[in-house]
Amino acid sequence: MRRFGLISAAILLAVAPAVVTPGFAEEKASVKKAANPVAKAGKGEKVCRVKMQYSGEVKTWTCKVEEPCCVWHEINYVKCGSTITGCL
């Protein structure tokens, strides 16, 4: 039982930085801000667009073709997902 608690804590610590610091993940995923509403995809990229449910803001960003476009309306957050874990 104690081992399960340690494993749970390790998983929580591994996931927490991604949840707590969304700004870093957005920069790393090359998210385009509203200042550039007309995002253009380069070679091997696609344009992702979504209208946020609560604010009505339209967000536009680019991801690699194989990466999914991920959106969390509840926290007003978008990013490019992973080919392995999807939008987790």
C-alpha atoms as a PDB file:
ATOM      1  CA  MET A   1       0.000   0.000   0.000  1.00  0.00           C
ATOM      2  CA  ARG A   2       2.850   2.374   0.815  1.00  0.00           C
ATOM      3  CA  ARG A   3       4.470   1.658  -2.551  1.00  0.00           C
ATOM      4  CA  PHE A   4       1.245   2.658  -4.308  1.00  0.00           C
ATOM      5  CA  GLY A   5       1.300   5.998  -2.489  1.00  0.00           C
ATOM      6  CA  LEU A   6       4.887   6.643  -3.571  1.00  0.00           C
ATOM      7  CA  ILE A   7       4.102   5.765  -7.167  1.00  0.00           C
ATOM      8  CA  SER A   8       1.034   8.028  -7.122  1.00  0.00           C
ATOM      9  CA  ALA A   9       3.090  10.906  -5.714  1.00  0.00           C
ATOM     10  CA  ALA A  10       5.776  10.429  -8.374  1.00  0.00           C
ATOM     11  CA  ILE A  11       3.179  10.471 -11.154  1.00  0.00           C
ATOM     12  CA  LEU A  12       1.532  13.569  -9.695  1.00  0.00           C
ATOM     13  CA  LEU A  13       4.868  15.399  -9.533  1.00  0.00           C
ATOM     14  CA  ALA A  14       5.672  14.394 -13.102  1.00  0.00           C
ATOM     15  CA  VAL A  15       2.346  15.708 -14.407  1.00  0.00           C
ATOM     16  CA  ALA A  16       2.021  18.798 -12.178  1.00  0.00           C
ATOM     17  CA  PRO A  17       4.595  21.019 -13.952  1.00  0.00           C
ATOM     18  CA  ALA A  18       2.736  20.631 -17.257  1.00  0.00           C
ATOM     19  CA  VAL A  19      -0.528  21.615 -15.609  1.00  0.00           C
ATOM     20  CA  VAL A  20       0.870  24.454 -13.501  1.00  0.00           C
ATOM     21  CA  THR A  21       2.956  26.123 -16.222  1.00  0.00           C
ATOM     22  CA  PRO A  22       0.796  26.226 -19.359  1.00  0.00           C
ATOM     23  CA  GLY A  23       2.630  29.266 -20.716  1.00  0.00           C
ATOM     24  CA  PHE A  24       5.816  27.282 -21.228  1.00  0.00           C
ATOM     25  CA  ALA A  25       3.976  24.486 -23.019  1.00  0.00           C
ATOM     26  CA  GLU A  26       2.286  26.998 -25.322  1.00  0.00           C
ATOM     27  CA  GLU A  27       5.599  28.592 -26.267  1.00  0.00           C
ATOM     28  CA  LYS A  28       7.192  25.222 -26.846  1.00  0.00           C
ATOM     29  CA  ALA A  29       4.300  24.103 -29.058  1.00  0.00           C
ATOM     30  CA  SER A  30       4.699  27.280 -31.150  1.00  0.00           C
ATOM     31  CA  VAL A  31       1.177  28.447 -30.453  1.00  0.00           C
ATOM     32  CA  LYS A  32       0.137  31.485 -32.475  1.00  0.00           C
ATOM     33  CA  LYS A  33      -1.549  34.213 -30.411  1.00  0.00           C
ATOM     34  CA  ALA A  34      -4.527  36.363 -31.403  1.00  0.00           C
ATOM     35  CA  ALA A  35      -2.075  39.040 -32.614  1.00  0.00           C
ATOM     36  CA  ASN A  36      -1.566  36.805 -35.660  1.00  0.00           C
ATOM     37  CA  PRO A  37      -5.089  35.505 -36.402  1.00  0.00           C
ATOM     38  CA  VAL A  38      -4.109  34.344 -39.908  1.00  0.00           C
ATOM     39  CA  ALA A  39      -1.694  31.535 -39.121  1.00  0.00           C
ATOM     40  CA  LYS A  40      -0.105  29.875 -42.114  1.00  0.00           C
ATOM     41  CA  ALA A  41       1.109  26.322 -42.020  1.00  0.00           C
ATOM     42  CA  GLY A  42       4.562  25.571 -43.305  1.00  0.00           C
ATOM     43  CA  LYS A  43       5.774  22.313 -44.737  1.00  0.00           C
ATOM     44  CA  GLY A  44       4.710  19.459 -42.467  1.00  0.00           C
ATOM     45  CA  GLU A  45       2.404  21.683 -40.381  1.00  0.00           C
ATOM     46  CA  LYS A  46      -1.338  22.254 -40.083  1.00  0.00           C
ATOM     47  CA  VAL A  47      -3.396  25.161 -38.800  1.00  0.00           C
ATOM     48  CA  CYS A  48      -5.605  24.557 -35.767  1.00  0.00           C
ATOM     49  CA  ARG A  49      -8.501  26.929 -35.015  1.00  0.00           C
ATOM     50  CA  VAL A  50     -11.090  26.888 -32.257  1.00  0.00           C
ATOM     51  CA  LYS A  51     -13.654  29.279 -30.812  1.00  0.00           C
ATOM     52  CA  MET A  52     -13.453  29.078 -27.036  1.00  0.00           C
ATOM     53  CA  GLN A  53     -16.822  28.201 -25.484  1.00  0.00           C
ATOM     54  CA  TYR A  54     -16.760  30.558 -22.509  1.00  0.00           C
ATOM     55  CA  SER A  55     -14.930  33.633 -23.805  1.00  0.00           C
ATOM     56  CA  GLY A  56     -15.893  33.406 -27.482  1.00  0.00           C
ATOM     57  CA  GLU A  57     -12.268  34.133 -28.425  1.00  0.00           C
ATOM     58  CA  VAL A  58     -10.978  32.459 -31.583  1.00  0.00           C
ATOM     59  CA  LYS A  59      -7.564  30.866 -31.063  1.00  0.00           C
ATOM     60  CA  THR A  60      -5.345  29.887 -33.978  1.00  0.00           C
ATOM     61  CA  TRP A  61      -2.086  27.931 -33.760  1.00  0.00           C
ATOM     62  CA  THR A  62       0.027  25.555 -35.832  1.00  0.00           C
ATOM     63  CA  CYS A  63       0.995  21.981 -35.081  1.00  0.00           C
ATOM     64  CA  LYS A  64       2.892  19.303 -36.931  1.00  0.00           C
ATOM     65  CA  VAL A  65       0.686  17.246 -39.261  1.00  0.00           C
ATOM     66  CA  GLU A  66       0.911  14.127 -37.104  1.00  0.00           C
ATOM     67  CA  GLU A  67       0.128  15.948 -33.814  1.00  0.00           C
ATOM     68  CA  PRO A  68      -3.481  16.443 -32.688  1.00  0.00           C
ATOM     69  CA  CYS A  69      -4.885  19.911 -31.942  1.00  0.00           C
ATOM     70  CA  CYS A  70      -5.752  19.931 -28.229  1.00  0.00           C
ATOM     71  CA  VAL A  71      -8.240  22.281 -26.550  1.00  0.00           C
ATOM     72  CA  TRP A  72      -9.361  22.613 -22.935  1.00  0.00           C
ATOM     73  CA  HIS A  73     -12.281  25.047 -22.884  1.00  0.00           C
ATOM     74  CA  GLU A  74     -12.590  24.983 -19.102  1.00  0.00           C
ATOM     75  CA  ILE A  75      -9.150  26.532 -18.558  1.00  0.00           C
ATOM     76  CA  ASN A  76      -8.969  28.496 -21.836  1.00  0.00           C
ATOM     77  CA  TYR A  77      -5.920  26.525 -23.040  1.00  0.00           C
ATOM     78  CA  VAL A  78      -4.770  25.134 -26.391  1.00  0.00           C
ATOM     79  CA  LYS A  79      -1.694  23.189 -27.442  1.00  0.00           C
ATOM     80  CA  CYS A  80      -0.329  20.587 -29.833  1.00  0.00           C
ATOM     81  CA  GLY A  81      -0.666  17.056 -28.535  1.00  0.00           C
ATOM     82  CA  SER A  82       1.642  14.099 -28.687  1.00  0.00           C
ATOM     83  CA  THR A  83       1.583  11.296 -31.220  1.00  0.00           C
ATOM     84  CA  ILE A  84       1.870   8.823 -28.333  1.00  0.00           C
ATOM     85  CA  THR A  85      -0.377  10.199 -25.583  1.00  0.00           C
ATOM     86  CA  GLY A  86      -2.706  12.349 -27.663  1.00  0.00           C
ATOM     87  CA  CYS A  87      -4.019  15.324 -25.680  1.00  0.00           C
ATOM     88  CA  LEU A  88      -3.056  14.035 -22.227  1.00  0.00           C
END
